[in-house]
Amino acid sequence: MMPKKMSSSPSRLRCPYSKLHLFDAHCHLHDDRIVGHLNRIIADSHQRGIDEFYSCGTSEADWDVLSRLANQYAGIHPFFGLHPWWIATRSGEWKQKLVDKIGSVGEGVGEIGLDYALDDVERQTQKEIFLEQYQISIDFKNPVAIHCRGAWGDMPRILKSHGPHPAGAILHSYSGSAEIVSELKNLNIYFSFSGSVTNVNNKRAAEAVRAVPLDKILIETDAPDMPPYIDGEKPDGPNSPANLQLVLERVAELKMVAPEDMAETISQNRLL
């Protein structure tokens, strides 16, 4: 579903990059807010040059739905993981279920991570669950999508302790500092930027974009969340992967390169 304010500006959504086969590095296409409109959303995305989607599960409850979508639609790369928000819902068999899902249909592990803004899940429990899943991604040599909020003290230390990831780790909707980029950039870690970077007042994100090497930068929508800002405002309604172009244009502006060149660079950074 396209945000209302987005649809009022169709000229902003022309896609001169349609032949470059862009990919959305992080989204949730199985989410109830958009799954009922997926035919139109994917068609709109294709028209704007986005034909692949790293779609991330967050709990046992959505893994089967995501599996079905990946079988139904070409271009959906399913990631399966237990997000810190949903740790309390896990069953006693969650880890074996995850291993089975990754072994059968999964192309990536995620969304996993640490969220220290949570009050109802102990940080030690979050770390243990995160480390178990991170190790699964290493064992399977699958890319991993990582959520990090308020845990930038622990996350770099944990990632550095494991060395370079064999398939690539994506710090999704990156909110860390430019200094952390320099700490992690040699560990096969990618820094993915979402609609929050289109907020011109987000100076931290702008500095981080400028610090990321071109071969480690990705863009995402986090659809149906994190819609890009339009004319300085954040639109109402769920976000769509079709809006990826607006993130691309802001990242290109910050890197001081042409959007077409930025699109080609990002296309070359695919992990799948």
Protein backbone atom coordinates (compact mmCIF):
# COMPACT_ATOMS: atom_id res chain seq x y z
CA MET A 1 0.00 0.00 0.00
CA MET A 2 1.44 3.34 -1.01
CA PRO A 3 1.40 6.18 1.54
CA LYS A 4 -1.17 8.80 0.56
CA LYS A 5 1.27 11.66 0.35
CA MET A 6 3.56 9.57 -1.84
CA SER A 7 0.91 8.97 -4.46
CA SER A 8 0.33 12.72 -4.83
CA SER A 9 3.86 13.18 -6.21
CA PRO A 10 4.19 10.66 -9.08
CA SER A 11 6.99 12.63 -10.71
CA ARG A 12 9.18 11.88 -7.70
CA LEU A 13 8.75 8.18 -8.41
CA ARG A 14 9.96 8.06 -12.01
CA CYS A 15 12.70 5.46 -12.20
CA PRO A 16 15.62 6.08 -14.54
CA TYR A 17 17.34 3.08 -12.89
CA SER A 18 14.88 0.41 -14.03
CA LYS A 19 17.47 -1.57 -15.97
CA LEU A 20 19.86 -1.86 -13.05
CA HIS A 21 17.88 -4.48 -11.10
CA LEU A 22 17.94 -2.88 -7.68
CA PHE A 23 17.19 -4.89 -4.56
CA ASP A 24 15.58 -3.91 -1.28
CA ALA A 25 18.11 -5.05 1.32
CA HIS A 26 15.55 -5.31 4.12
CA CYS A 27 11.76 -5.49 4.19
CA HIS A 28 8.90 -7.56 5.62
CA LEU A 29 6.61 -8.49 2.74
CA HIS A 30 4.64 -10.95 4.86
CA ASP A 31 3.47 -8.18 7.23
CA ASP A 32 -0.31 -7.99 7.63
CA ARG A 33 -0.31 -4.31 6.62
CA ILE A 34 0.89 -5.01 3.09
CA VAL A 35 0.64 -8.72 2.30
CA GLY A 36 -2.91 -8.31 0.98
CA HIS A 37 -1.65 -5.80 -1.61
CA LEU A 38 1.48 -7.68 -2.59
CA ASN A 39 0.64 -8.18 -6.27
CA ARG A 40 0.36 -4.42 -6.77
CA ILE A 41 3.32 -3.62 -4.53
CA ILE A 42 5.63 -5.96 -6.41
CA ALA A 43 4.36 -4.72 -9.78
CA ASP A 44 4.96 -1.10 -8.72
CA SER A 45 8.43 -2.04 -7.47
CA HIS A 46 9.32 -3.72 -10.76
CA GLN A 47 8.28 -0.60 -12.68
CA ARG A 48 10.76 1.38 -10.58
CA GLY A 49 13.65 -1.01 -11.03
CA ILE A 50 13.36 -2.99 -7.79
CA ASP A 51 13.02 -6.67 -8.58
CA GLU A 52 14.55 -8.43 -5.58
CA PHE A 53 13.63 -8.26 -1.91
CA TYR A 54 15.45 -9.50 1.19
CA SER A 55 12.30 -10.21 3.21
CA CYS A 56 12.94 -10.92 6.87
CA GLY A 57 10.91 -12.98 9.29
CA THR A 58 10.85 -11.98 12.95
CA SER A 59 9.23 -14.85 14.88
CA GLU A 60 8.17 -18.47 14.55
CA ALA A 61 4.63 -17.24 13.79
CA ASP A 62 5.58 -15.69 10.44
CA TRP A 63 8.17 -18.13 9.08
CA ASP A 64 5.66 -20.33 7.24
CA VAL A 65 3.89 -17.33 5.68
CA LEU A 66 7.20 -16.00 4.41
CA SER A 67 8.07 -19.43 3.01
CA ARG A 68 4.86 -19.47 0.99
CA LEU A 69 5.47 -15.97 -0.38
CA ALA A 70 9.00 -16.87 -1.42
CA ASN A 71 7.61 -19.82 -3.37
CA GLN A 72 4.87 -17.70 -4.91
CA TYR A 73 6.85 -14.63 -6.04
CA ALA A 74 10.12 -14.56 -7.93
CA GLY A 75 12.70 -12.25 -6.37
CA ILE A 76 11.75 -12.72 -2.71
CA HIS A 77 14.78 -13.94 -0.77
CA PRO A 78 13.51 -15.28 2.58
CA PHE A 79 15.43 -14.61 5.77
CA PHE A 80 14.30 -16.35 8.97
CA GLY A 81 15.10 -15.24 12.48
CA LEU A 82 13.90 -14.43 15.97
CA HIS A 83 13.78 -10.66 16.47
CA PRO A 84 14.48 -9.38 20.00
CA TRP A 85 10.94 -7.97 20.19
CA TRP A 86 9.57 -11.52 19.87
CA ILE A 87 11.96 -13.45 22.10
CA ALA A 88 9.25 -13.92 24.75
CA THR A 89 7.04 -15.73 22.22
CA ARG A 90 9.59 -18.42 21.35
CA SER A 91 8.78 -22.08 21.82
CA GLY A 92 11.08 -24.66 23.34
CA GLU A 93 11.87 -25.89 19.83
CA TRP A 94 12.52 -22.49 18.25
CA LYS A 95 16.19 -23.11 17.45
CA GLN A 96 15.60 -26.47 15.76
CA LYS A 97 12.71 -24.98 13.79
CA LEU A 98 14.98 -22.19 12.65
CA VAL A 99 17.75 -24.57 11.61
CA ASP A 100 15.22 -26.68 9.70
CA LYS A 101 13.78 -23.63 7.97
CA ILE A 102 17.19 -22.27 7.00
CA GLY A 103 18.27 -25.69 5.79
CA SER A 104 15.21 -26.15 3.59
CA VAL A 105 14.15 -22.78 2.14
CA GLY A 106 16.06 -20.00 3.88
CA GLU A 107 18.54 -17.86 2.01
CA GLY A 108 19.46 -15.70 5.00
CA VAL A 109 19.21 -15.48 8.78
CA GLY A 110 17.33 -12.57 10.28
CA GLU A 111 16.00 -10.38 11.49
CA ILE A 112 18.02 -10.95 14.65
CA GLY A 113 19.73 -8.52 16.98
CA LEU A 114 19.86 -6.52 20.17
CA ASP A 115 17.38 -3.89 21.32
CA TYR A 116 18.27 -2.30 24.64
CA ALA A 117 15.22 -0.02 24.51
CA LEU A 118 13.15 -3.05 25.52
CA ASP A 119 12.13 -3.29 29.16
CA ASP A 120 10.69 -6.80 29.16
CA VAL A 121 13.63 -8.84 27.81
CA GLU A 122 16.87 -9.05 29.78
CA ARG A 123 19.95 -7.98 27.88
CA GLN A 124 21.77 -11.20 28.71
CA THR A 125 18.92 -13.22 27.23
CA GLN A 126 18.98 -11.07 24.12
CA LYS A 127 22.72 -11.64 23.73
CA GLU A 128 22.38 -15.39 24.12
CA ILE A 129 19.59 -15.64 21.53
CA PHE A 130 21.44 -13.33 19.16
CA LEU A 131 24.68 -15.29 19.42
CA GLU A 132 22.94 -18.61 18.78
CA GLN A 133 21.40 -17.25 15.60
CA TYR A 134 24.53 -15.44 14.47
CA GLN A 135 26.41 -18.72 14.75
CA ILE A 136 23.74 -20.43 12.65
CA SER A 137 24.36 -17.88 9.90
CA ILE A 138 28.08 -18.62 10.07
CA ASP A 139 27.55 -22.39 10.04
CA PHE A 140 25.24 -22.21 7.01
CA LYS A 141 27.33 -19.49 5.36
CA ASN A 142 24.17 -17.44 4.88
CA PRO A 143 23.91 -13.64 5.02
CA VAL A 144 22.49 -12.29 8.26
CA ALA A 145 20.25 -9.24 8.86
CA ILE A 146 20.94 -7.49 12.16
CA HIS A 147 18.77 -5.12 14.21
CA CYS A 148 20.62 -2.89 16.68
CA ARG A 149 18.99 -0.23 18.84
CA GLY A 150 20.70 1.26 21.87
CA ALA A 151 23.27 -1.55 21.87
CA TRP A 152 26.15 0.09 20.06
CA GLY A 153 28.38 -0.55 23.07
CA ASP A 154 28.01 -4.33 22.81
CA MET A 155 27.31 -4.98 19.13
CA PRO A 156 30.70 -3.96 17.67
CA ARG A 157 32.52 -5.98 20.30
CA ILE A 158 30.44 -9.08 19.57
CA LEU A 159 30.87 -8.78 15.80
CA LYS A 160 34.61 -8.21 16.07
CA SER A 161 34.98 -11.26 18.30
CA HIS A 162 33.68 -13.48 15.46
CA GLY A 163 35.90 -12.05 12.74
CA PRO A 164 34.75 -11.54 9.13
CA HIS A 165 31.38 -13.05 8.37
CA PRO A 166 31.65 -15.70 5.62
CA ALA A 167 28.55 -14.55 3.72
CA GLY A 168 28.09 -10.96 4.86
CA ALA A 169 26.32 -9.34 7.81
CA ILE A 170 23.88 -6.50 7.17
CA LEU A 171 23.41 -3.85 9.86
CA HIS A 172 19.92 -2.89 8.79
CA SER A 173 18.56 0.64 9.04
CA TYR A 174 21.97 1.59 10.36
CA SER A 175 21.80 4.02 13.27
CA GLY A 176 25.32 3.78 14.60
CA SER A 177 28.04 6.38 14.32
CA ALA A 178 30.53 7.02 11.57
CA GLU A 179 33.26 5.92 13.98
CA ILE A 180 31.69 2.45 14.32
CA VAL A 181 31.75 2.13 10.54
CA SER A 182 35.53 2.37 10.60
CA GLU A 183 35.66 -0.32 13.31
CA LEU A 184 33.57 -2.84 11.38
CA LYS A 185 34.07 -2.20 7.68
CA ASN A 186 36.77 -4.89 7.33
CA LEU A 187 34.59 -7.67 8.80
CA ASN A 188 32.45 -8.24 5.68
CA ILE A 189 29.74 -6.13 7.28
CA TYR A 190 27.37 -4.05 5.18
CA PHE A 191 25.64 -0.87 6.30
CA SER A 192 22.08 -0.51 5.05
CA PHE A 193 20.21 2.79 5.13
CA SER A 194 16.43 3.16 5.25
CA GLY A 195 13.93 5.99 4.89
CA SER A 196 15.26 7.65 8.05
CA VAL A 197 18.26 8.89 6.05
CA THR A 198 15.91 11.02 3.91
CA ASN A 199 15.23 13.20 6.94
CA VAL A 200 17.60 16.10 6.29
CA ASN A 201 17.83 16.71 10.04
CA ASN A 202 19.27 13.24 10.63
CA LYS A 203 22.89 14.39 10.78
CA ARG A 204 24.13 11.16 12.37
CA ALA A 205 22.85 9.10 9.44
CA ALA A 206 24.34 11.55 6.94
CA GLU A 207 27.76 11.28 8.57
CA ALA A 208 27.51 7.48 8.60
CA VAL A 209 26.62 7.34 4.90
CA ARG A 210 29.66 9.45 4.06
CA ALA A 211 31.87 7.10 6.11
CA VAL A 212 30.74 3.81 4.55
CA PRO A 213 32.95 2.48 1.73
CA LEU A 214 31.09 2.20 -1.57
CA ASP A 215 31.53 -1.58 -1.62
CA LYS A 216 29.79 -1.94 1.77
CA ILE A 217 26.75 0.30 1.36
CA LEU A 218 23.18 -0.95 0.89
CA ILE A 219 19.73 0.63 0.84
CA GLU A 220 16.41 -0.67 2.11
CA THR A 221 12.84 0.35 2.86
CA ASP A 222 12.12 -1.75 5.98
CA ALA A 223 8.60 -1.84 4.50
CA PRO A 224 5.99 -1.52 5.81
CA ASP A 225 7.88 0.63 8.35
CA MET A 226 10.25 3.60 7.98
CA PRO A 227 8.68 5.49 5.05
CA PRO A 228 10.97 8.08 3.46
CA TYR A 229 10.37 11.75 4.12
CA ILE A 230 8.61 13.71 1.38
CA ASP A 231 9.13 17.48 1.35
CA GLY A 232 10.37 17.28 4.93
CA GLU A 233 7.42 15.25 6.21
CA LYS A 234 7.04 11.58 7.06
CA PRO A 235 3.98 10.21 5.21
CA ASP A 236 1.20 8.32 6.93
CA GLY A 237 0.42 4.74 6.00
CA PRO A 238 2.59 1.71 5.38
CA ASN A 239 5.79 1.94 3.42
CA SER A 240 6.46 0.04 0.17
CA PRO A 241 9.62 -1.31 -1.50
CA ALA A 242 8.60 0.84 -4.47
CA ASN A 243 9.85 3.83 -2.46
CA LEU A 244 13.46 2.58 -2.50
CA GLN A 245 14.35 5.12 -5.18
CA LEU A 246 13.93 7.98 -2.70
CA VAL A 247 16.45 6.37 -0.35
CA LEU A 248 18.79 5.84 -3.28
CA GLU A 249 18.62 9.48 -4.30
CA ARG A 250 19.39 10.74 -0.78
CA VAL A 251 22.33 8.35 -0.36
CA ALA A 252 23.68 9.39 -3.78
CA GLU A 253 23.39 13.04 -2.75
CA LEU A 254 25.34 12.39 0.45
CA LYS A 255 28.03 10.42 -1.40
CA MET A 256 28.16 13.15 -4.06
CA VAL A 257 27.68 10.78 -6.98
CA ALA A 258 25.02 10.55 -9.66
CA PRO A 259 22.01 8.45 -8.63
CA GLU A 260 22.53 6.19 -11.65
CA ASP A 261 26.11 5.49 -10.55
CA MET A 262 24.99 4.91 -6.97
CA ALA A 263 22.34 2.49 -8.17
CA GLU A 264 24.89 0.52 -10.16
CA THR A 265 27.29 0.39 -7.20
CA ILE A 266 24.59 -0.84 -4.83
CA SER A 267 23.44 -3.43 -7.36
CA GLN A 268 26.96 -4.84 -7.34
CA ASN A 269 26.85 -5.16 -3.53
CA ARG A 270 24.15 -7.84 -3.51
CA LEU A 271 24.76 -10.71 -1.11
CA LEU A 272 22.41 -13.15 -2.87
